Amino acid sequence: MLNVDAGGGDRLALAVLARYLMATTEQMHLAIASGVRIKQTRRLAKLQAEGLIDRITLPQAGRPRAWFTTRYGADIASEWPELRNWQPSKLASIYWPGRIRLPASG
C-alpha cells in the first residue's frame, strides 16, 4: 500500500468493505465514524486513488454510491491478522471493476 494509514481509519475502511463486499457511502460513514463525514469521504477517495477500493453510482433517486474492494484491496486485506481466516467470496468477483452491470433505469 502506498499511502494507507495502516493503524487507523484507512485500514478499518478497507476491512469493512472486505467483510461486507459492498457498502454505500452512508453505510461507510455510519460504520467508521458517524460524526466525521467529510474526513470519511476523503478517506474513501484516497483508498480509491490507491487502487484498493472502487465505487459505482446506483440508479436510485439521489444516486448513492456503493463502494467495494478491488482485487488488489482484497489481497491486501486478506494478509492482516484480524482477517486471517477470511477469504474473498467467490461472489465478490462480480463486484470488481469491469464486471458490474446495473439495470438501466427507465
PDB file of N, CA and C in Angstrom:
ATOM      1  N   MET A   1       0.847  -1.172   0.000  1.00  0.00           N
ATOM      2  CA  MET A   1       0.000   0.000   0.000  1.00  0.00           C
ATOM      3  C   MET A   1       0.886   1.227   0.000  1.00  0.00           C
ATOM      4  N   LEU A   2       0.518   2.162  -0.795  1.00  0.00           N
ATOM      5  CA  LEU A   2       1.359   3.338  -0.953  1.00  0.00           C
ATOM      6  C   LEU A   2       1.226   4.330   0.183  1.00  0.00           C
ATOM      7  N   ASN A   3       0.028   4.783   0.479  1.00  0.00           N
ATOM      8  CA  ASN A   3      -0.142   5.851   1.452  1.00  0.00           C
ATOM      9  C   ASN A   3      -1.348   5.579   2.347  1.00  0.00           C
ATOM     10  N   VAL A   4      -1.470   4.363   2.817  1.00  0.00           N
ATOM     11  CA  VAL A   4      -2.624   3.989   3.636  1.00  0.00           C
ATOM     12  C   VAL A   4      -2.221   3.990   5.095  1.00  0.00           C
ATOM     13  N   ASP A   5      -3.041   4.628   5.915  1.00  0.00           N
ATOM     14  CA  ASP A   5      -2.834   4.686   7.357  1.00  0.00           C
ATOM     15  C   ASP A   5      -3.137   3.299   7.927  1.00  0.00           C
ATOM     16  N   ALA A   6      -2.104   2.462   8.020  1.00  0.00           N
ATOM     17  CA  ALA A   6      -2.294   1.067   8.410  1.00  0.00           C
ATOM     18  C   ALA A   6      -2.777   0.914   9.847  1.00  0.00           C
ATOM     19  N   GLY A   7      -2.594   1.911  10.680  1.00  0.00           N
ATOM     20  CA  GLY A   7      -3.000   1.783  12.066  1.00  0.00           C
ATOM     21  C   GLY A   7      -4.322   2.453  12.372  1.00  0.00           C
ATOM     22  N   GLY A   8      -4.977   3.021  11.390  1.00  0.00           N
ATOM     23  CA  GLY A   8      -6.168   3.783  11.707  1.00  0.00           C
ATOM     24  C   GLY A   8      -7.342   3.522  10.810  1.00  0.00           C
ATOM     25  N   GLY A   9      -7.986   4.616  10.441  1.00  0.00           N
ATOM     26  CA  GLY A   9      -9.241   4.548   9.716  1.00  0.00           C
ATOM     27  C   GLY A   9      -9.164   3.981   8.318  1.00  0.00           C
ATOM     28  N   ASP A  10      -8.025   4.157   7.632  1.00  0.00           N
ATOM     29  CA  ASP A  10      -7.900   3.607   6.284  1.00  0.00           C
ATOM     30  C   ASP A  10      -8.026   2.093   6.331  1.00  0.00           C
ATOM     31  N   ARG A  11      -7.325   1.514   7.267  1.00  0.00           N
ATOM     32  CA  ARG A  11      -7.360   0.054   7.425  1.00  0.00           C
ATOM     33  C   ARG A  11      -8.753  -0.410   7.817  1.00  0.00           C
ATOM     34  N   LEU A  12      -9.395   0.319   8.706  1.00  0.00           N
ATOM     35  CA  LEU A  12     -10.749  -0.027   9.117  1.00  0.00           C
ATOM     36  C   LEU A  12     -11.713   0.032   7.936  1.00  0.00           C
ATOM     37  N   ALA A  13     -11.607   1.083   7.132  1.00  0.00           N
ATOM     38  CA  ALA A  13     -12.496   1.230   5.982  1.00  0.00           C
ATOM     39  C   ALA A  13     -12.317   0.070   5.005  1.00  0.00           C
ATOM     40  N   LEU A  14     -11.081  -0.294   4.729  1.00  0.00           N
ATOM     41  CA  LEU A  14     -10.828  -1.397   3.814  1.00  0.00           C
ATOM     42  C   LEU A  14     -11.323  -2.717   4.401  1.00  0.00           C
ATOM     43  N   ALA A  15     -11.128  -2.911   5.694  1.00  0.00           N
ATOM     44  CA  ALA A  15     -11.587  -4.141   6.345  1.00  0.00           C
ATOM     45  C   ALA A  15     -13.116  -4.248   6.314  1.00  0.00           C
ATOM     46  N   VAL A  16     -13.800  -3.136   6.548  1.00  0.00           N
ATOM     47  CA  VAL A  16     -15.269  -3.135   6.492  1.00  0.00           C
ATOM     48  C   VAL A  16     -15.746  -3.554   5.109  1.00  0.00           C
ATOM     49  N   LEU A  17     -15.176  -2.981   4.085  1.00  0.00           N
ATOM     50  CA  LEU A  17     -15.582  -3.336   2.721  1.00  0.00           C
ATOM     51  C   LEU A  17     -15.212  -4.778   2.378  1.00  0.00           C
ATOM     52  N   ALA A  18     -14.071  -5.242   2.870  1.00  0.00           N
ATOM     53  CA  ALA A  18     -13.671  -6.618   2.606  1.00  0.00           C
ATOM     54  C   ALA A  18     -14.680  -7.598   3.215  1.00  0.00           C
ATOM     55  N   ARG A  19     -15.122  -7.305   4.410  1.00  0.00           N
ATOM     56  CA  ARG A  19     -16.050  -8.210   5.096  1.00  0.00           C
ATOM     57  C   ARG A  19     -17.464  -8.159   4.529  1.00  0.00           C
ATOM     58  N   TYR A  20     -17.906  -6.980   4.108  1.00  0.00           N
ATOM     59  CA  TYR A  20     -19.298  -6.820   3.700  1.00  0.00           C
ATOM     60  C   TYR A  20     -19.499  -6.753   2.187  1.00  0.00           C
ATOM     61  N   LEU A  21     -18.434  -6.895   1.421  1.00  0.00           N
ATOM     62  CA  LEU A  21     -18.450  -6.891  -0.044  1.00  0.00           C
ATOM     63  C   LEU A  21     -18.770  -5.535  -0.648  1.00  0.00           C
ATOM     64  N   MET A  22     -19.816  -4.875  -0.173  1.00  0.00           N
ATOM     65  CA  MET A  22     -20.218  -3.605  -0.764  1.00  0.00           C
ATOM     66  C   MET A  22     -20.986  -2.804   0.289  1.00  0.00           C
ATOM     67  N   ALA A  23     -20.769  -1.491   0.292  1.00  0.00           N
ATOM     68  CA  ALA A  23     -21.491  -0.618   1.216  1.00  0.00           C
ATOM     69  C   ALA A  23     -21.643   0.755   0.576  1.00  0.00           C
ATOM     70  N   THR A  24     -22.754   1.400   0.862  1.00  0.00           N
ATOM     71  CA  THR A  24     -22.962   2.747   0.349  1.00  0.00           C
ATOM     72  C   THR A  24     -22.095   3.725   1.139  1.00  0.00           C
ATOM     73  N   THR A  25     -21.961   4.916   0.611  1.00  0.00           N
ATOM     74  CA  THR A  25     -21.214   5.950   1.313  1.00  0.00           C
ATOM     75  C   THR A  25     -21.819   6.186   2.690  1.00  0.00           C
ATOM     76  N   GLU A  26     -23.132   6.261   2.756  1.00  0.00           N
ATOM     77  CA  GLU A  26     -23.823   6.459   4.039  1.00  0.00           C
ATOM     78  C   GLU A  26     -23.510   5.336   5.025  1.00  0.00           C
ATOM     79  N   GLN A  27     -23.543   4.095   4.571  1.00  0.00           N
ATOM     80  CA  GLN A  27     -23.225   2.967   5.443  1.00  0.00           C
ATOM     81  C   GLN A  27     -21.785   3.026   5.920  1.00  0.00           C
ATOM     82  N   MET A  28     -20.883   3.445   5.050  1.00  0.00           N
ATOM     83  CA  MET A  28     -19.480   3.569   5.450  1.00  0.00           C
ATOM     84  C   MET A  28     -19.307   4.656   6.501  1.00  0.00           C
ATOM     85  N   HIS A  29     -20.008   5.777   6.339  1.00  0.00           N
ATOM     86  CA  HIS A  29     -19.934   6.842   7.341  1.00  0.00           C
ATOM     87  C   HIS A  29     -20.408   6.322   8.689  1.00  0.00           C
ATOM     88  N   LEU A  30     -21.498   5.589   8.698  1.00  0.00           N
ATOM     89  CA  LEU A  30     -22.048   5.065   9.946  1.00  0.00           C
ATOM     90  C   LEU A  30     -21.137   4.013  10.569  1.00  0.00           C
ATOM     91  N   ALA A  31     -20.534   3.164   9.757  1.00  0.00           N
ATOM     92  CA  ALA A  31     -19.687   2.084  10.264  1.00  0.00           C
ATOM     93  C   ALA A  31     -18.339   2.570  10.786  1.00  0.00           C
ATOM     94  N   ILE A  32     -17.784   3.593  10.163  1.00  0.00           N
ATOM     95  CA  ILE A  32     -16.429   4.015  10.507  1.00  0.00           C
ATOM     96  C   ILE A  32     -16.434   5.090  11.590  1.00  0.00           C
ATOM     97  N   ALA A  33     -17.134   6.178  11.358  1.00  0.00           N
ATOM     98  CA  ALA A  33     -17.186   7.274  12.326  1.00  0.00           C
ATOM     99  C   ALA A  33     -18.314   8.202  11.909  1.00  0.00           C
ATOM    100  N   SER A  34     -19.464   7.994  12.476  1.00  0.00           N
ATOM    101  CA  SER A  34     -20.657   8.702  12.010  1.00  0.00           C
ATOM    102  C   SER A  34     -20.596  10.212  12.159  1.00  0.00           C
ATOM    103  N   GLY A  35     -19.762  10.731  13.022  1.00  0.00           N
ATOM    104  CA  GLY A  35     -19.746  12.170  13.237  1.00  0.00           C
ATOM    105  C   GLY A  35     -18.802  12.956  12.336  1.00  0.00           C
ATOM    106  N   VAL A  36     -18.028  12.278  11.488  1.00  0.00           N
ATOM    107  CA  VAL A  36     -16.996  12.965  10.718  1.00  0.00           C
ATOM    108  C   VAL A  36     -17.131  12.625   9.239  1.00  0.00           C
ATOM    109  N   ARG A  37     -18.154  13.122   8.594  1.00  0.00           N
ATOM    110  CA  ARG A  37     -18.464  12.749   7.218  1.00  0.00           C
ATOM    111  C   ARG A  37     -17.411  13.182   6.193  1.00  0.00           C
ATOM    112  N   ILE A  38     -16.954  14.410   6.271  1.00  0.00           N
ATOM    113  CA  ILE A  38     -16.020  14.910   5.259  1.00  0.00           C
ATOM    114  C   ILE A  38     -14.729  14.094   5.294  1.00  0.00           C
ATOM    115  N   LYS A  39     -14.215  13.825   6.485  1.00  0.00           N
ATOM    116  CA  LYS A  39     -12.983  13.054   6.615  1.00  0.00           C
ATOM    117  C   LYS A  39     -13.159  11.660   6.018  1.00  0.00           C
ATOM    118  N   GLN A  40     -14.319  11.037   6.249  1.00  0.00           N
ATOM    119  CA  GLN A  40     -14.546   9.692   5.725  1.00  0.00           C
ATOM    120  C   GLN A  40     -14.665   9.710   4.208  1.00  0.00           C
ATOM    121  N   THR A  41     -15.287  10.728   3.652  1.00  0.00           N
ATOM    122  CA  THR A  41     -15.403  10.835   2.195  1.00  0.00           C
ATOM    123  C   THR A  41     -14.015  10.975   1.584  1.00  0.00           C
ATOM    124  N   ARG A  42     -13.175  11.772   2.197  1.00  0.00           N
ATOM    125  CA  ARG A  42     -11.797  11.918   1.721  1.00  0.00           C
ATOM    126  C   ARG A  42     -11.035  10.601   1.834  1.00  0.00           C
ATOM    127  N   ARG A  43     -11.268   9.887   2.930  1.00  0.00           N
ATOM    128  CA  ARG A  43     -10.602   8.594   3.126  1.00  0.00           C
ATOM    129  C   ARG A  43     -10.989   7.631   2.010  1.00  0.00           C
ATOM    130  N   LEU A  44     -12.280   7.558   1.678  1.00  0.00           N
ATOM    131  CA  LEU A  44     -12.732   6.661   0.614  1.00  0.00           C
ATOM    132  C   LEU A  44     -12.110   7.053  -0.727  1.00  0.00           C
ATOM    133  N   ALA A  45     -12.054   8.351  -0.997  1.00  0.00           N
ATOM    134  CA  ALA A  45     -11.442   8.822  -2.242  1.00  0.00           C
ATOM    135  C   ALA A  45      -9.949   8.474  -2.283  1.00  0.00           C
ATOM    136  N   LYS A  46      -9.274   8.591  -1.159  1.00  0.00           N
ATOM    137  CA  LYS A  46      -7.853   8.258  -1.084  1.00  0.00           C
ATOM    138  C   LYS A  46      -7.630   6.762  -1.335  1.00  0.00           C
ATOM    139  N   LEU A  47      -8.458   5.915  -0.711  1.00  0.00           N
ATOM    140  CA  LEU A  47      -8.332   4.475  -0.918  1.00  0.00           C
ATOM    141  C   LEU A  47      -8.632   4.101  -2.368  1.00  0.00           C
ATOM    142  N   GLN A  48      -9.548   4.834  -2.978  1.00  0.00           N
ATOM    143  CA  GLN A  48      -9.843   4.601  -4.392  1.00  0.00           C
ATOM    144  C   GLN A  48      -8.632   4.992  -5.249  1.00  0.00           C
ATOM    145  N   ALA A  49      -8.023   6.115  -4.935  1.00  0.00           N
ATOM    146  CA  ALA A  49      -6.847   6.559  -5.684  1.00  0.00           C
ATOM    147  C   ALA A  49      -5.685   5.575  -5.547  1.00  0.00           C
ATOM    148  N   GLU A  50      -5.610   4.892  -4.412  1.00  0.00           N
ATOM    149  CA  GLU A  50      -4.569   3.888  -4.181  1.00  0.00           C
ATOM    150  C   GLU A  50      -4.879   2.574  -4.892  1.00  0.00           C
ATOM    151  N   GLY A  51      -6.082   2.445  -5.447  1.00  0.00           N
ATOM    152  CA  GLY A  51      -6.453   1.219  -6.151  1.00  0.00           C
ATOM    153  C   GLY A  51      -6.970   0.116  -5.246  1.00  0.00           C
ATOM    154  N   LEU A  52      -7.265   0.449  -3.981  1.00  0.00           N
ATOM    155  CA  LEU A  52      -7.715  -0.552  -3.021  1.00  0.00           C
ATOM    156  C   LEU A  52      -9.226  -0.756  -3.036  1.00  0.00           C
ATOM    157  N   ILE A  53      -9.967   0.293  -3.365  1.00  0.00           N
ATOM    158  CA  ILE A  53     -11.420   0.205  -3.442  1.00  0.00           C
ATOM    159  C   ILE A  53     -11.879   0.930  -4.706  1.00  0.00           C
ATOM    160  N   ASP A  54     -13.126   0.700  -5.064  1.00  0.00           N
ATOM    161  CA  ASP A  54     -13.722   1.414  -6.181  1.00  0.00           C
ATOM    162  C   ASP A  54     -15.182   1.625  -5.849  1.00  0.00           C
ATOM    163  N   ARG A  55     -15.892   2.315  -6.718  1.00  0.00           N
ATOM    164  CA  ARG A  55     -17.295   2.622  -6.439  1.00  0.00           C
ATOM    165  C   ARG A  55     -18.107   2.584  -7.724  1.00  0.00           C
ATOM    166  N   ILE A  56     -19.401   2.446  -7.524  1.00  0.00           N
ATOM    167  CA  ILE A  56     -20.366   2.595  -8.613  1.00  0.00           C
ATOM    168  C   ILE A  56     -21.433   3.551  -8.118  1.00  0.00           C
ATOM    169  N   THR A  57     -22.143   4.157  -9.032  1.00  0.00           N
ATOM    170  CA  THR A  57     -23.272   5.007  -8.681  1.00  0.00           C
ATOM    171  C   THR A  57     -24.537   4.211  -8.933  1.00  0.00           C
ATOM    172  N   LEU A  58     -25.343   4.087  -7.915  1.00  0.00           N
ATOM    173  CA  LEU A  58     -26.570   3.300  -8.010  1.00  0.00           C
ATOM    174  C   LEU A  58     -27.669   4.095  -8.700  1.00  0.00           C
ATOM    175  N   PRO A  59     -28.595   3.416  -9.355  1.00  0.00           N
ATOM    176  CA  PRO A  59     -29.615   4.123 -10.139  1.00  0.00           C
ATOM    177  C   PRO A  59     -30.768   4.712  -9.315  1.00  0.00           C
ATOM    178  N   GLN A  60     -30.786   4.520  -8.011  1.00  0.00           N
ATOM    179  CA  GLN A  60     -31.874   5.038  -7.187  1.00  0.00           C
ATOM    180  C   GLN A  60     -31.876   6.569  -7.154  1.00  0.00           C
ATOM    181  N   ALA A  61     -32.985   7.097  -6.701  1.00  0.00           N
ATOM    182  CA  ALA A  61     -33.104   8.551  -6.521  1.00  0.00           C
ATOM    183  C   ALA A  61     -31.986   9.022  -5.593  1.00  0.00           C
ATOM    184  N   GLY A  62     -31.388  10.120  -5.909  1.00  0.00           N
ATOM    185  CA  GLY A  62     -30.289  10.646  -5.113  1.00  0.00           C
ATOM    186  C   GLY A  62     -28.944  10.096  -5.549  1.00  0.00           C
ATOM    187  N   ARG A  63     -28.946   9.079  -6.375  1.00  0.00           N
ATOM    188  CA  ARG A  63     -27.746   8.484  -6.958  1.00  0.00           C
ATOM    189  C   ARG A  63     -26.670   8.151  -5.922  1.00  0.00           C
ATOM    190  N   PRO A  64     -27.005   7.296  -4.941  1.00  0.00           N
ATOM    191  CA  PRO A  64     -25.996   6.936  -3.937  1.00  0.00           C
ATOM    192  C   PRO A  64     -24.852   6.136  -4.568  1.00  0.00           C
ATOM    193  N   ARG A  65     -23.700   6.208  -3.933  1.00  0.00           N
ATOM    194  CA  ARG A  65     -22.533   5.452  -4.385  1.00  0.00           C
ATOM    195  C   ARG A  65     -22.387   4.213  -3.523  1.00  0.00           C
ATOM    196  N   ALA A  66     -21.991   3.131  -4.140  1.00  0.00           N
ATOM    197  CA  ALA A  66     -21.682   1.901  -3.419  1.00  0.00           C
ATOM    198  C   ALA A  66     -20.205   1.594  -3.625  1.00  0.00           C
ATOM    199  N   TRP A  67     -19.517   1.309  -2.541  1.00  0.00           N
ATOM    200  CA  TRP A  67     -18.072   1.061  -2.543  1.00  0.00           C
ATOM    201  C   TRP A  67     -17.798  -0.423  -2.399  1.00  0.00           C
ATOM    202  N   PHE A  68     -16.686  -0.891  -2.948  1.00  0.00           N
ATOM    203  CA  PHE A  68     -16.299  -2.298  -2.856  1.00  0.00           C
ATOM    204  C   PHE A  68     -14.781  -2.387  -2.974  1.00  0.00           C
ATOM    205  N   THR A  69     -14.207  -3.474  -2.484  1.00  0.00           N
ATOM    206  CA  THR A  69     -12.762  -3.653  -2.608  1.00  0.00           C
ATOM    207  C   THR A  69     -12.420  -4.085  -4.028  1.00  0.00           C
ATOM    208  N   THR A  70     -11.270  -3.664  -4.478  1.00  0.00           N
ATOM    209  CA  THR A  70     -10.734  -4.180  -5.739  1.00  0.00           C
ATOM    210  C   THR A  70     -10.053  -5.509  -5.418  1.00  0.00           C
ATOM    211  N   ARG A  71      -9.657  -6.203  -6.428  1.00  0.00           N
ATOM    212  CA  ARG A  71      -8.921  -7.456  -6.208  1.00  0.00           C
ATOM    213  C   ARG A  71      -7.652  -7.169  -5.402  1.00  0.00           C
ATOM    214  N   TYR A  72      -6.968  -6.074  -5.742  1.00  0.00           N
ATOM    215  CA  TYR A  72      -5.759  -5.669  -5.012  1.00  0.00           C
ATOM    216  C   TYR A  72      -6.085  -5.382  -3.544  1.00  0.00           C
ATOM    217  N   GLY A  73      -7.159  -4.641  -3.291  1.00  0.00           N
ATOM    218  CA  GLY A  73      -7.559  -4.332  -1.925  1.00  0.00           C
ATOM    219  C   GLY A  73      -7.899  -5.585  -1.130  1.00  0.00           C
ATOM    220  N   ALA A  74      -8.583  -6.530  -1.761  1.00  0.00           N
ATOM    221  CA  ALA A  74      -8.922  -7.787  -1.090  1.00  0.00           C
ATOM    222  C   ALA A  74      -7.663  -8.588  -0.768  1.00  0.00           C
ATOM    223  N   ASP A  75      -6.692  -8.577  -1.681  1.00  0.00           N
ATOM    224  CA  ASP A  75      -5.430  -9.280  -1.433  1.00  0.00           C
ATOM    225  C   ASP A  75      -4.694  -8.670  -0.247  1.00  0.00           C
ATOM    226  N   ILE A  76      -4.657  -7.345  -0.185  1.00  0.00           N
ATOM    227  CA  ILE A  76      -4.000  -6.657   0.934  1.00  0.00           C
ATOM    228  C   ILE A  76      -4.711  -6.987   2.239  1.00  0.00           C
ATOM    229  N   ALA A  77      -6.034  -6.851   2.269  1.00  0.00           N
ATOM    230  CA  ALA A  77      -6.803  -7.080   3.497  1.00  0.00           C
ATOM    231  C   ALA A  77      -6.673  -8.516   3.982  1.00  0.00           C
ATOM    232  N   SER A  78      -6.580  -9.464   3.081  1.00  0.00           N
ATOM    233  CA  SER A  78      -6.512 -10.872   3.486  1.00  0.00           C
ATOM    234  C   SER A  78      -5.199 -11.212   4.203  1.00  0.00           C
ATOM    235  N   GLU A  79      -4.207 -10.323   4.143  1.00  0.00           N
ATOM    236  CA  GLU A  79      -2.934 -10.550   4.822  1.00  0.00           C
ATOM    237  C   GLU A  79      -2.928 -10.043   6.263  1.00  0.00           C
ATOM    238  N   TRP A  80      -3.938  -9.294   6.669  1.00  0.00           N
ATOM    239  CA  TRP A  80      -3.963  -8.726   8.011  1.00  0.00           C
ATOM    240  C   TRP A  80      -4.373  -9.775   9.042  1.00  0.00           C
ATOM    241  N   PRO A  81      -3.779  -9.725  10.244  1.00  0.00           N
ATOM    242  CA  PRO A  81      -4.109 -10.712  11.279  1.00  0.00           C
ATOM    243  C   PRO A  81      -5.602 -10.761  11.626  1.00  0.00           C
ATOM    244  N   GLU A  82      -6.253  -9.612  11.647  1.00  0.00           N
ATOM    245  CA  GLU A  82      -7.672  -9.605  12.030  1.00  0.00           C
ATOM    246  C   GLU A  82      -8.574 -10.227  10.966  1.00  0.00           C
ATOM    247  N   LEU A  83      -8.056 -10.409   9.750  1.00  0.00           N
ATOM    248  CA  LEU A  83      -8.820 -11.068   8.688  1.00  0.00           C
ATOM    249  C   LEU A  83      -8.120 -12.372   8.275  1.00  0.00           C
ATOM    250  N   ARG A  84      -7.387 -12.947   9.205  1.00  0.00           N
ATOM    251  CA  ARG A  84      -6.559 -14.118   8.936  1.00  0.00           C
ATOM    252  C   ARG A  84      -7.318 -15.261   8.261  1.00  0.00           C
ATOM    253  N   ASN A  85      -8.478 -15.610   8.721  1.00  0.00           N
ATOM    254  CA  ASN A  85      -9.230 -16.732   8.161  1.00  0.00           C
ATOM    255  C   ASN A  85     -10.231 -16.305   7.103  1.00  0.00           C
ATOM    256  N   TRP A  86     -10.220 -15.034   6.763  1.00  0.00           N
ATOM    257  CA  TRP A  86     -11.149 -14.512   5.766  1.00  0.00           C
ATOM    258  C   TRP A  86     -10.626 -14.787   4.376  1.00  0.00           C
ATOM    259  N   GLN A  87     -11.501 -15.210   3.521  1.00  0.00           N
ATOM    260  CA  GLN A  87     -11.177 -15.400   2.104  1.00  0.00           C
ATOM    261  C   GLN A  87     -12.172 -14.593   1.295  1.00  0.00           C
ATOM    262  N   PRO A  88     -11.723 -13.882   0.268  1.00  0.00           N
ATOM    263  CA  PRO A  88     -12.683 -13.153  -0.559  1.00  0.00           C
ATOM    264  C   PRO A  88     -13.727 -14.116  -1.110  1.00  0.00           C
ATOM    265  N   SER A  89     -14.967 -13.698  -1.053  1.00  0.00           N
ATOM    266  CA  SER A  89     -16.064 -14.522  -1.558  1.00  0.00           C
ATOM    267  C   SER A  89     -15.924 -14.723  -3.057  1.00  0.00           C
ATOM    268  N   LYS A  90     -16.274 -15.905  -3.509  1.00  0.00           N
ATOM    269  CA  LYS A  90     -16.279 -16.138  -4.951  1.00  0.00           C
ATOM    270  C   LYS A  90     -17.299 -15.236  -5.624  1.00  0.00           C
ATOM    271  N   LEU A  91     -18.349 -14.896  -4.897  1.00  0.00           N
ATOM    272  CA  LEU A  91     -19.351 -13.980  -5.439  1.00  0.00           C
ATOM    273  C   LEU A  91     -18.807 -12.570  -5.560  1.00  0.00           C
ATOM    274  N   ALA A  92     -17.791 -12.239  -4.775  1.00  0.00           N
ATOM    275  CA  ALA A  92     -17.234 -10.882  -4.796  1.00  0.00           C
ATOM    276  C   ALA A  92     -16.641 -10.541  -6.151  1.00  0.00           C
ATOM    277  N   SER A  93     -16.250 -11.537  -6.913  1.00  0.00           N
ATOM    278  CA  SER A  93     -15.624 -11.250  -8.201  1.00  0.00           C
ATOM    279  C   SER A  93     -16.560 -10.499  -9.140  1.00  0.00           C
ATOM    280  N   ILE A  94     -17.866 -10.571  -8.918  1.00  0.00           N
ATOM    281  CA  ILE A  94     -18.789  -9.818  -9.770  1.00  0.00           C
ATOM    282  C   ILE A  94     -18.719  -8.332  -9.478  1.00  0.00           C
ATOM    283  N   TYR A  95     -18.162  -7.953  -8.329  1.00  0.00           N
ATOM    284  CA  TYR A  95     -18.105  -6.551  -7.953  1.00  0.00           C
ATOM    285  C   TYR A  95     -16.856  -5.841  -8.443  1.00  0.00           C
ATOM    286  N   TRP A  96     -15.850  -6.569  -8.890  1.00  0.00           N
ATOM    287  CA  TRP A  96     -14.624  -5.906  -9.289  1.00  0.00           C
ATOM    288  C   TRP A  96     -14.804  -5.157 -10.589  1.00  0.00           C
ATOM    289  N   PRO A  97     -14.075  -4.061 -10.769  1.00  0.00           N
ATOM    290  CA  PRO A  97     -14.273  -3.183 -11.926  1.00  0.00           C
ATOM    291  C   PRO A  97     -14.374  -3.931 -13.249  1.00  0.00           C
ATOM    292  N   GLY A  98     -15.256  -3.427 -14.079  1.00  0.00           N
ATOM    293  CA  GLY A  98     -15.460  -4.014 -15.385  1.00  0.00           C
ATOM    294  C   GLY A  98     -16.458  -5.145 -15.378  1.00  0.00           C
ATOM    295  N   ARG A  99     -16.903  -5.559 -14.199  1.00  0.00           N
ATOM    296  CA  ARG A  99     -17.815  -6.696 -14.123  1.00  0.00           C
ATOM    297  C   ARG A  99     -19.178  -6.306 -13.557  1.00  0.00           C
ATOM    298  N   ILE A 100     -19.331  -5.075 -13.139  1.00  0.00           N
ATOM    299  CA  ILE A 100     -20.603  -4.666 -12.550  1.00  0.00           C
ATOM    300  C   ILE A 100     -21.564  -4.270 -13.652  1.00  0.00           C
ATOM    301  N   ARG A 101     -22.738  -4.813 -13.580  1.00  0.00           N
ATOM    302  CA  ARG A 101     -23.772  -4.470 -14.566  1.00  0.00           C
ATOM    303  C   ARG A 101     -25.043  -4.113 -13.803  1.00  0.00           C
ATOM    304  N   LEU A 102     -25.451  -2.903 -13.934  1.00  0.00           N
ATOM    305  CA  LEU A 102     -26.689  -2.449 -13.311  1.00  0.00           C
ATOM    306  C   LEU A 102     -27.765  -2.324 -14.369  1.00  0.00           C
ATOM    307  N   PRO A 103     -28.993  -2.646 -14.007  1.00  0.00           N
ATOM    308  CA  PRO A 103     -30.068  -2.481 -14.993  1.00  0.00           C
ATOM    309  C   PRO A 103     -30.252  -0.994 -15.317  1.00  0.00           C
ATOM    310  N   ALA A 104     -30.578  -0.718 -16.538  1.00  0.00           N
ATOM    311  CA  ALA A 104     -30.831   0.664 -16.947  1.00  0.00           C
ATOM    312  C   ALA A 104     -32.093   1.156 -16.257  1.00  0.00           C
ATOM    313  N   SER A 105     -31.997   2.349 -15.712  1.00  0.00           N
ATOM    314  CA  SER A 105     -33.198   2.904 -15.066  1.00  0.00           C
ATOM    315  C   SER A 105     -34.060   3.551 -16.144  1.00  0.00           C
ATOM    316  N   GLY A 106     -35.317   3.427 -15.970  1.00  0.00           N
ATOM    317  CA  GLY A 106     -36.146   3.957 -17.043  1.00  0.00           C
ATOM    318  C   GLY A 106     -37.367   4.509 -16.567  1.00  0.00           C
TER     319      GLY A 106
END
